[in-house]
Every structure is written in C-alpha cells, then in structure tokens.
N, C-alpha and C. Protein backbone atom coordinates (compact mmCIF):
# COMPACT_ATOMS: atom_id res chain seq x y z
N MET A 1 107.34 110.72 88.94
CA MET A 1 106.50 110.62 90.14
C MET A 1 105.05 110.83 89.83
N ILE A 2 104.84 111.79 89.04
CA ILE A 2 103.39 112.13 88.60
C ILE A 2 102.81 110.90 87.83
N LEU A 3 103.56 110.42 86.89
CA LEU A 3 103.04 109.16 86.15
C LEU A 3 102.82 108.05 87.04
N ALA A 4 103.64 107.76 88.03
CA ALA A 4 103.47 106.68 88.94
C ALA A 4 102.14 106.90 89.75
N GLY A 5 102.01 108.11 90.16
CA GLY A 5 100.77 108.44 90.92
C GLY A 5 99.50 108.20 90.18
N LEU A 6 99.52 108.67 88.94
CA LEU A 6 98.36 108.54 87.99
C LEU A 6 98.12 107.05 87.84
N LEU A 7 99.13 106.29 87.55
CA LEU A 7 98.95 104.96 87.28
C LEU A 7 98.43 104.16 88.52
N ALA A 8 98.92 104.49 89.73
CA ALA A 8 98.46 103.91 90.96
C ALA A 8 97.00 104.36 91.16
N ALA A 9 96.57 105.46 90.91
CA ALA A 9 95.16 105.95 91.01
C ALA A 9 94.22 105.10 90.11
N PHE A 10 94.79 104.92 88.82
CA PHE A 10 93.88 104.21 87.81
C PHE A 10 93.88 102.73 88.30
N THR A 11 94.89 102.15 88.77
CA THR A 11 94.93 100.70 89.16
C THR A 11 93.98 100.47 90.28
N SER A 12 94.08 101.38 91.32
CA SER A 12 93.31 101.16 92.51
C SER A 12 91.71 101.33 92.10
N THR A 13 91.46 102.28 91.36
CA THR A 13 90.11 102.50 90.86
C THR A 13 89.54 101.37 90.06
N PHE A 14 90.33 101.01 89.13
CA PHE A 14 89.96 99.76 88.24
C PHE A 14 89.83 98.53 89.02
N SER A 15 90.69 98.24 89.90
CA SER A 15 90.53 96.96 90.56
C SER A 15 89.44 96.98 91.62
N GLY A 16 89.09 98.15 92.24
CA GLY A 16 88.05 98.16 93.10
C GLY A 16 86.68 98.05 92.46
N THR A 17 86.53 98.69 91.26
CA THR A 17 85.35 98.63 90.44
C THR A 17 85.14 97.23 89.91
N LEU A 18 86.17 96.67 89.40
CA LEU A 18 86.03 95.33 88.89
C LEU A 18 85.72 94.26 89.94
N ASN A 19 86.35 94.33 91.19
CA ASN A 19 86.01 93.49 92.19
C ASN A 19 84.57 93.58 92.73
N ALA A 20 84.00 94.82 92.82
CA ALA A 20 82.68 95.11 93.12
C ALA A 20 81.75 94.58 92.15
N THR A 21 81.97 94.68 90.82
CA THR A 21 81.18 94.15 89.81
C THR A 21 81.09 92.69 89.84
N GLN A 22 82.27 92.05 89.99
CA GLN A 22 82.24 90.54 90.11
C GLN A 22 81.46 90.09 91.29
N ALA A 23 81.62 90.68 92.39
CA ALA A 23 80.83 90.37 93.63
C ALA A 23 79.30 90.57 93.45
N TYR A 24 78.91 91.60 92.69
CA TYR A 24 77.46 91.85 92.47
C TYR A 24 76.89 90.68 91.62
N ILE A 25 77.65 90.42 90.46
CA ILE A 25 77.18 89.34 89.54
C ILE A 25 77.14 87.97 90.13
N VAL A 26 78.17 87.63 90.80
CA VAL A 26 78.26 86.24 91.38
C VAL A 26 77.30 86.11 92.61
N ASN A 27 77.28 86.94 93.54
CA ASN A 27 76.60 86.89 94.79
C ASN A 27 75.10 87.19 94.61
N ASP A 28 74.90 88.31 93.90
CA ASP A 28 73.45 88.72 93.86
C ASP A 28 72.70 88.14 92.66
N ILE A 29 73.31 87.67 91.68
CA ILE A 29 72.63 87.14 90.58
C ILE A 29 72.91 85.52 90.50
N TYR A 30 74.13 85.14 90.43
CA TYR A 30 74.36 83.72 90.14
C TYR A 30 73.97 82.95 91.47
N LEU A 31 74.49 83.23 92.57
CA LEU A 31 74.24 82.47 93.79
C LEU A 31 72.68 82.58 94.21
N LYS A 32 72.12 83.66 93.99
CA LYS A 32 70.78 83.91 94.36
C LYS A 32 69.73 83.32 93.46
N TYR A 33 69.83 83.40 92.29
CA TYR A 33 68.82 82.92 91.28
C TYR A 33 69.25 81.76 90.42
N ILE A 34 70.43 81.64 90.01
CA ILE A 34 70.87 80.66 89.06
C ILE A 34 71.27 79.29 89.77
N ASN A 35 72.24 79.38 90.68
CA ASN A 35 72.80 78.15 91.29
C ASN A 35 73.11 78.43 92.73
N PRO A 36 72.02 78.38 93.63
CA PRO A 36 72.37 78.51 95.09
C PRO A 36 73.24 77.53 95.74
N GLU A 37 73.35 76.36 95.14
CA GLU A 37 73.98 75.27 95.75
C GLU A 37 75.43 75.09 95.07
N ALA A 38 75.95 76.15 94.47
CA ALA A 38 77.25 76.07 93.80
C ALA A 38 78.39 75.71 94.70
N THR A 39 79.27 74.95 94.28
CA THR A 39 80.59 74.63 95.07
C THR A 39 81.53 75.82 95.02
N ASN A 40 82.44 75.88 95.89
CA ASN A 40 83.45 76.95 95.84
C ASN A 40 84.23 76.95 94.63
N THR A 41 84.56 75.88 94.09
CA THR A 41 85.35 75.92 92.75
C THR A 41 84.41 76.47 91.66
N LYS A 42 83.14 76.17 91.65
CA LYS A 42 82.30 76.75 90.62
C LYS A 42 82.17 78.23 90.84
N ILE A 43 82.02 78.68 92.03
CA ILE A 43 81.90 80.09 92.34
C ILE A 43 83.16 80.91 91.94
N LYS A 44 84.32 80.19 92.14
CA LYS A 44 85.61 80.71 91.81
C LYS A 44 85.64 80.96 90.27
N TYR A 45 85.25 80.01 89.41
CA TYR A 45 85.27 80.12 88.03
C TYR A 45 84.25 81.18 87.51
N MET A 46 83.07 81.20 88.07
CA MET A 46 82.08 82.24 87.76
C MET A 46 82.70 83.56 88.04
N ASN A 47 83.45 83.79 89.14
CA ASN A 47 83.99 85.01 89.51
C ASN A 47 85.07 85.44 88.40
N TRP A 48 85.91 84.59 88.08
CA TRP A 48 86.83 84.84 86.98
C TRP A 48 86.16 85.12 85.67
N GLY A 49 85.20 84.33 85.28
CA GLY A 49 84.46 84.54 84.03
C GLY A 49 83.73 85.92 84.11
N ALA A 50 83.13 86.30 85.14
CA ALA A 50 82.44 87.53 85.26
C ALA A 50 83.51 88.76 85.16
N GLY A 51 84.61 88.58 85.69
CA GLY A 51 85.64 89.56 85.56
C GLY A 51 86.10 89.73 84.10
N ILE A 52 86.37 88.58 83.45
CA ILE A 52 86.80 88.61 82.08
C ILE A 52 85.76 89.27 81.14
N VAL A 53 84.48 88.88 81.33
CA VAL A 53 83.43 89.39 80.55
C VAL A 53 83.19 90.98 80.77
N MET A 54 83.38 91.39 82.04
CA MET A 54 83.27 92.80 82.30
C MET A 54 84.37 93.60 81.58
N VAL A 55 85.59 93.12 81.68
CA VAL A 55 86.70 93.73 81.05
C VAL A 55 86.52 93.88 79.55
N VAL A 56 86.14 92.79 78.92
CA VAL A 56 85.79 92.74 77.43
C VAL A 56 84.75 93.68 77.11
N ILE A 57 83.64 93.75 77.88
CA ILE A 57 82.63 94.71 77.58
C ILE A 57 83.12 96.14 77.69
N SER A 58 83.87 96.43 78.72
CA SER A 58 84.42 97.76 78.99
C SER A 58 85.42 98.14 77.80
N ILE A 59 86.22 97.23 77.39
CA ILE A 59 87.16 97.63 76.29
C ILE A 59 86.39 97.95 75.06
N PHE A 60 85.29 97.01 74.70
CA PHE A 60 84.45 97.17 73.61
C PHE A 60 83.82 98.60 73.61
N MET A 61 83.16 98.93 74.82
CA MET A 61 82.43 100.16 75.02
C MET A 61 83.51 101.37 74.79
N GLY A 62 84.68 101.20 75.35
CA GLY A 62 85.73 102.30 75.32
C GLY A 62 86.20 102.53 73.83
N LEU A 63 86.36 101.51 73.05
CA LEU A 63 86.80 101.59 71.72
C LEU A 63 85.79 102.32 70.76
N PHE A 64 84.48 102.17 71.10
CA PHE A 64 83.41 102.72 70.14
C PHE A 64 82.80 103.90 70.76
N ALA A 65 83.21 104.50 71.91
CA ALA A 65 82.64 105.70 72.44
C ALA A 65 83.35 106.89 71.91
N ARG A 66 82.70 107.91 71.62
CA ARG A 66 83.29 109.19 71.16
C ARG A 66 83.88 109.95 72.36
N ASP A 67 83.14 109.95 73.39
CA ASP A 67 83.69 110.64 74.67
C ASP A 67 82.97 110.04 75.87
N VAL A 68 83.44 110.44 77.07
CA VAL A 68 82.86 109.87 78.32
C VAL A 68 81.45 110.19 78.45
N ASN A 69 80.94 111.40 78.02
CA ASN A 69 79.59 111.72 78.10
C ASN A 69 78.70 110.79 77.38
N ASP A 70 79.06 110.22 76.21
CA ASP A 70 78.29 109.22 75.50
C ASP A 70 78.04 108.03 76.41
N LEU A 71 79.09 107.50 76.94
CA LEU A 71 79.01 106.29 77.86
C LEU A 71 78.05 106.58 79.06
N LEU A 72 78.34 107.70 79.59
CA LEU A 72 77.52 108.18 80.82
C LEU A 72 75.98 108.20 80.45
N GLN A 73 75.71 108.82 79.41
CA GLN A 73 74.31 108.96 78.96
C GLN A 73 73.66 107.49 78.61
N TRP A 74 74.47 106.73 78.00
CA TRP A 74 73.93 105.39 77.71
C TRP A 74 73.66 104.57 79.03
N ILE A 75 74.59 104.68 80.01
CA ILE A 75 74.52 103.98 81.23
C ILE A 75 73.22 104.56 82.06
N VAL A 76 73.16 105.94 82.14
CA VAL A 76 72.09 106.58 82.87
C VAL A 76 70.77 106.16 82.26
N SER A 77 70.62 106.29 80.92
CA SER A 77 69.33 105.98 80.31
C SER A 77 68.94 104.50 80.40
N GLY A 78 69.93 103.62 80.54
CA GLY A 78 69.74 102.23 80.69
C GLY A 78 69.27 101.86 82.18
N LEU A 79 69.74 102.65 83.13
CA LEU A 79 69.50 102.39 84.49
C LEU A 79 68.33 103.38 85.04
N TYR A 80 67.83 104.26 84.17
CA TYR A 80 66.87 105.18 84.73
C TYR A 80 65.58 104.54 85.24
N GLY A 81 65.11 103.42 84.69
CA GLY A 81 63.91 102.74 85.04
C GLY A 81 64.10 102.17 86.45
N ALA A 82 65.22 101.51 86.69
CA ALA A 82 65.51 101.09 88.05
C ALA A 82 65.59 102.25 89.10
N TYR A 83 66.21 103.35 88.73
CA TYR A 83 66.17 104.40 89.61
C TYR A 83 64.87 104.99 89.90
N VAL A 84 64.02 105.15 88.98
CA VAL A 84 62.69 105.61 89.28
C VAL A 84 61.84 104.67 90.10
N ALA A 85 62.00 103.34 89.76
CA ALA A 85 61.23 102.30 90.52
C ALA A 85 61.67 102.26 92.01
N SER A 86 63.02 102.55 92.23
CA SER A 86 63.40 102.41 93.63
C SER A 86 63.04 103.73 94.42
N MET A 87 62.76 104.79 93.73
CA MET A 87 62.38 106.09 94.45
C MET A 87 60.90 106.09 94.74
N CYS A 88 60.09 105.29 94.07
CA CYS A 88 58.61 105.33 94.31
C CYS A 88 58.15 104.75 95.59
C-alpha cells in the first residue's frame, strides 16, 4: 500500500509538471513568437516534441547530478536574472 501511494504521488507530480511545461513551451513561446498561425496538427506534434525533449533533459540532468541541491542551485542561478527583473 505504501509503495502504491508513493508511486501514485510521483506519477501525479510528474504528469502535472510535464503538462505544465509543455503548455508553457507551446503556448507561450511557439504559438506567440515562432508560428502564431500553426494548425492543430502542428501544435499537437510540437506538444509531443516538447514533452519528449523535457523528459530527455530531465533524465540527463538526473544522471549527472550528485544530489538534489546541485540541481536546485543550477536552476536558481539560471533563473535569478528573471526573478530580479520581475521584482524591479
């Protein structure tokens, strides 16, 4: 029961984060700046592609990270400029 609960928590967190990432990439970047006139089929393929790319990047980062703090520090340092700009 405990293992099933942990797997369910992981799956729901993973799917929610992946779906949000795909939506941000496709809606906020692709449709807004790259191809605003994209067809539904092209949007669907971009959504799938964005998901696959994000999973591959995540696996790559997970394999080469020593611990979670390394990943967190890398992400925070990469996004710090956007954080400071939005707070000004």
